[in-house]
Protein backbone atom coordinates (compact mmCIF):
# COMPACT_ATOMS: atom_id res chain seq x y z
CA UNK A 1 -7.21 -11.52 16.18
CA UNK A 2 -9.56 -11.11 13.65
CA UNK A 3 -9.04 -12.86 10.08
CA UNK A 4 -8.99 -9.57 8.60
CA UNK A 5 -6.41 -8.43 11.44
CA UNK A 6 -4.58 -11.67 10.69
CA UNK A 7 -4.33 -10.87 7.02
CA UNK A 8 -3.36 -7.24 7.66
CA UNK A 9 -0.55 -9.04 10.21
CA UNK A 10 0.66 -11.71 7.53
CA UNK A 11 1.08 -9.11 4.48
CA UNK A 12 3.24 -6.85 6.75
CA UNK A 13 5.16 -9.67 8.09
CA UNK A 14 6.01 -10.78 4.37
CA UNK A 15 6.50 -6.74 3.30
CA UNK A 16 9.17 -7.03 6.40
CA UNK A 17 10.69 -10.15 5.36
CA UNK A 18 11.27 -9.40 1.49
CA UNK A 19 13.02 -5.86 2.57
CA UNK A 20 15.32 -7.88 5.07
CA UNK A 21 16.09 -10.05 2.65
CA UNK A 22 16.52 -7.66 -0.25
CA UNK A 23 19.22 -6.17 1.66
CA UNK A 24 20.85 -9.44 3.09
CA UNK A 25 20.33 -9.02 6.54
CA UNK A 26 19.68 -11.55 9.30
CA UNK A 27 16.67 -11.89 11.54
CA UNK A 28 18.70 -11.32 14.74
CA UNK A 29 20.55 -8.42 13.51
CA UNK A 30 17.70 -6.68 12.50
CA UNK A 31 15.83 -7.29 15.50
CA UNK A 32 18.95 -6.11 17.91
CA UNK A 33 19.25 -2.69 15.81
CA UNK A 34 15.62 -1.93 15.84
CA UNK A 35 15.65 -2.70 19.75
CA UNK A 36 13.14 -5.91 19.39
CA UNK A 37 13.61 -9.62 20.52
CA UNK A 38 14.27 -11.91 17.50
CA UNK A 39 11.45 -14.36 18.56
CA UNK A 40 9.05 -11.37 18.09
CA UNK A 41 10.31 -10.12 14.95
CA UNK A 42 10.05 -13.95 14.02
CA UNK A 43 6.19 -13.75 14.90
CA UNK A 44 5.79 -10.46 12.93
CA UNK A 45 7.24 -11.82 9.88
CA UNK A 46 5.12 -15.14 10.01
CA UNK A 47 2.17 -13.10 10.74
CA UNK A 48 1.76 -14.34 14.03
CA UNK A 49 1.80 -11.17 15.48
CA UNK A 50 0.78 -7.65 14.68
CA UNK A 51 3.46 -4.80 14.85
CA UNK A 52 2.41 -1.15 16.54
CA UNK A 53 3.45 1.70 14.97
CA UNK A 54 6.35 2.19 16.89
CA UNK A 55 7.66 -0.94 16.46
CA UNK A 56 6.81 -0.84 12.88
CA UNK A 57 8.84 2.32 13.08
CA UNK A 58 12.00 1.10 14.40
CA UNK A 59 11.63 -2.15 11.89
CA UNK A 60 11.70 0.36 9.21
CA UNK A 61 14.48 2.45 10.32
CA UNK A 62 16.65 -0.55 10.58
CA UNK A 63 15.58 -1.50 6.89
CA UNK A 64 16.53 1.88 5.52
CA UNK A 65 12.58 2.42 4.53
CA UNK A 66 9.89 4.35 6.45
CA UNK A 67 6.28 2.34 8.27
CA UNK A 68 4.49 4.29 5.65
CA UNK A 69 6.40 2.55 3.09
CA UNK A 70 6.10 -1.01 4.46
CA UNK A 71 2.18 -0.25 4.98
CA UNK A 72 2.08 0.60 1.37
CA UNK A 73 4.18 -2.50 0.36
CA UNK A 74 1.60 -4.73 2.28
CA UNK A 75 -0.62 -5.11 -0.69
CA UNK A 76 -2.51 -8.35 -1.67
CA UNK A 77 -2.39 -8.66 -4.68
CA UNK A 78 0.72 -6.57 -5.17
CA UNK A 79 0.16 -3.53 -7.07
CA UNK A 80 2.26 -2.73 -9.98
CA UNK A 81 4.71 0.14 -9.82
CA UNK A 82 3.43 1.87 -12.95
CA UNK A 83 -0.66 1.67 -11.78
CA UNK A 84 -1.31 5.43 -12.51
CA UNK A 85 -4.25 5.62 -10.47
CA UNK A 86 -4.74 4.21 -6.97
CA UNK A 87 -8.45 4.26 -5.17
CA UNK A 88 -8.64 3.63 -1.91
CA UNK A 89 -12.56 3.38 -0.62
CA UNK A 90 -14.24 3.46 2.91
CA UNK A 91 -12.42 2.61 6.41
CA UNK A 92 -12.77 -0.71 5.75
CA UNK A 93 -10.64 -0.83 2.74
CA UNK A 94 -7.21 -0.78 4.68
CA UNK A 95 -7.46 -2.19 8.30
CA UNK A 96 -5.57 0.08 10.78
CA UNK A 97 -2.00 -0.49 12.54
CA UNK A 98 -2.30 0.48 16.80
CA UNK A 99 -0.61 3.67 16.92
CA UNK A 100 0.22 5.86 20.26
CA UNK A 101 -3.49 6.75 21.21
CA UNK A 102 -5.41 5.48 18.44
CA UNK A 103 -5.06 3.92 14.69
CA UNK A 104 -3.52 4.18 11.37
CA UNK A 105 -4.39 3.27 8.39
CA UNK A 106 -2.62 3.89 4.96
CA UNK A 107 -4.76 5.81 2.25
CA UNK A 108 -3.13 4.56 -1.05
CA UNK A 109 -2.50 1.06 -2.62
CA UNK A 110 0.86 0.54 -3.47
CA UNK A 111 4.68 2.04 -2.79
CA UNK A 112 4.20 5.74 -3.79
CA UNK A 113 6.34 8.73 -3.97
CA UNK A 114 3.96 10.19 -1.54
CA UNK A 115 2.80 8.19 1.22
CA UNK A 116 -0.63 9.28 2.79
CA UNK A 117 -2.26 7.89 6.00
CA UNK A 118 -5.19 8.48 8.37
CA UNK A 119 -4.76 8.60 12.11
CA UNK A 120 -7.71 8.20 14.34
CA UNK A 121 -7.00 9.29 17.64
CA UNK A 122 -3.83 10.87 19.01
CA UNK A 123 -2.05 10.57 22.74
CA UNK A 124 -3.02 12.72 25.51
CA UNK A 125 0.72 13.40 26.21
CA UNK A 126 3.76 13.40 24.10
CA UNK A 127 5.04 10.47 23.31
CA UNK A 128 9.02 10.42 22.05
CA UNK A 129 9.94 12.08 19.19
CA UNK A 130 9.77 10.78 15.33
CA UNK A 131 12.43 11.87 12.61
CA UNK A 132 12.61 10.85 8.89
CA UNK A 133 14.16 11.95 6.06
CA UNK A 134 10.84 12.95 4.07
CA UNK A 135 9.28 15.98 4.27
CA UNK A 136 5.43 15.80 5.75
CA UNK A 137 2.10 17.28 5.51
CA UNK A 138 -0.36 17.09 8.54
CA UNK A 139 -4.31 18.38 8.02
CA UNK A 140 -6.42 18.18 11.00
CA UNK A 141 -9.93 16.63 9.96
CA UNK A 142 -11.68 17.20 13.30
CA UNK A 143 -10.26 17.41 16.95
CA UNK A 144 -6.97 19.99 18.40
CA UNK A 145 -3.63 18.65 18.38
CA UNK A 146 -0.43 20.42 19.38
CA UNK A 147 2.53 19.74 17.49
CA UNK A 148 6.19 19.92 18.82
CA UNK A 149 8.51 20.38 16.09
CA UNK A 150 12.04 20.46 17.20
CA UNK A 151 10.78 22.09 20.78
CA UNK A 152 8.62 24.69 19.19
CA UNK A 153 4.73 24.22 20.16
CA UNK A 154 2.13 24.61 16.97
CA UNK A 155 -1.34 24.30 17.94
CA UNK A 156 -3.75 22.91 15.11
CA UNK A 157 -7.69 22.65 15.04
CA UNK A 158 -9.95 21.16 12.33
CA UNK A 159 -9.11 22.62 9.05
CA UNK A 160 -5.52 24.11 9.90
CA UNK A 161 -2.53 22.22 8.37
CA UNK A 162 1.41 22.16 8.99
CA UNK A 163 4.31 21.42 6.74
CA UNK A 164 7.65 20.60 7.82
CA UNK A 165 10.92 19.36 6.21
CA UNK A 166 12.45 16.21 6.73
CA UNK A 167 14.99 15.42 9.40
CA UNK A 168 13.05 17.25 12.20
CA UNK A 169 12.13 15.87 15.37
CA UNK A 170 8.56 15.77 15.70
CA UNK A 171 5.47 14.54 18.02
CA UNK A 172 2.08 15.63 18.71
CA UNK A 173 -0.64 15.16 21.26
CA UNK A 174 -4.39 15.61 21.69
CA UNK A 175 -5.69 18.98 22.81
CA UNK A 176 -9.03 18.28 24.84
CA UNK A 177 -11.21 15.52 24.84
CA UNK A 178 -12.74 15.52 21.24
CA UNK A 179 -11.68 12.78 18.81
CA UNK A 180 -8.81 13.59 16.77
CA UNK A 181 -8.36 12.73 13.24
CA UNK A 182 -5.53 13.48 11.01
CA UNK A 183 -4.17 13.10 7.29
CA UNK A 184 -0.27 12.98 7.30
CA UNK A 185 1.79 12.84 3.91
CA UNK A 186 4.93 11.66 3.98
CA UNK A 187 7.44 12.13 1.19
CA UNK A 188 8.90 8.83 0.35
CA UNK A 189 12.23 9.08 -0.04
CA UNK A 190 14.60 6.45 -1.52
CA UNK A 191 17.01 4.42 0.03
CA UNK A 192 20.72 4.82 -1.15
CA UNK A 193 23.59 2.68 -0.73
CA UNK A 194 26.16 5.00 0.87
CA UNK A 195 25.85 5.06 4.58
CA UNK A 196 23.77 1.48 5.19
CA UNK A 197 24.73 -1.38 6.93
CA UNK A 198 27.96 -3.58 5.48
CA UNK A 199 26.20 -5.30 2.38
CA UNK A 200 23.23 -3.51 2.37
CA UNK A 201 21.49 -1.38 -0.21
CA UNK A 202 20.12 1.22 2.21
CA UNK A 203 21.15 4.29 3.98
CA UNK A 204 19.45 6.55 6.12
CA UNK A 205 17.29 8.34 3.23
CA UNK A 206 13.79 7.23 3.57
CA UNK A 207 14.37 6.10 6.96
CA UNK A 208 11.50 6.79 9.85
CA UNK A 209 12.73 6.38 13.59
CA UNK A 210 11.72 7.33 17.27
CA UNK A 211 14.08 9.20 18.77
CA UNK A 212 15.12 8.67 22.44
CA UNK A 213 17.97 7.67 24.37
CA UNK A 214 20.22 6.43 21.82
CA UNK A 215 17.62 4.82 19.23
CA UNK A 216 14.28 2.99 19.02
CA UNK A 217 12.13 1.97 21.83
CA UNK A 218 9.45 -0.15 22.09
CA UNK A 219 7.25 -1.81 24.77
CA UNK A 220 8.18 -4.99 26.76
CA UNK A 221 5.68 -7.41 25.40
CA UNK A 222 7.44 -6.61 22.02
CA UNK A 223 10.97 -6.64 23.51
CA UNK A 224 10.32 -9.66 25.15
CA UNK A 225 7.95 -11.38 22.01
């Protein structure tokens, strides 16, 4: 990894570990619930590996938050919650995280009520469904995508936007060979105490998780560490 990538991995690892400690959860327990091996999660927390967006989403779901919130929380230095204005300049300001078909980077400093991210690239075929409690807005900057929301297909080209409620299964794919760039804004739903793991402070509000055969799925490399 480059020094910049190592810095991103370290900051994300610290954010994951801090949230896990806040909830009083064990590394083995979080790894098991997220469908990861605990050696791999240990490497992530120590900054020795970088998570993909898929594994970050699975971890976030177990920790009662969202991948976007963890990315926003991975700030160095930390951003005061009361900071009223956030300015992020240029594509190099926030190094990206791998996502299916491309990369994703956060467009805001710190954890906010709304969590905007930029996707560059999209898979040519549908990946597994994603579902989260927060409402979401998708704006197509360039390219053409097809969104599958609860089984209903919606095509969106450059200049189009799609808004959908939280709790709906969704996914998207690239149509054609043109490069795809999206701005996606997710509502950051606060965690709650009801329904969370024993002894934790988080339930399902704000969580984001892959929808598959019984829970999150990750690549073999991530499972084996």
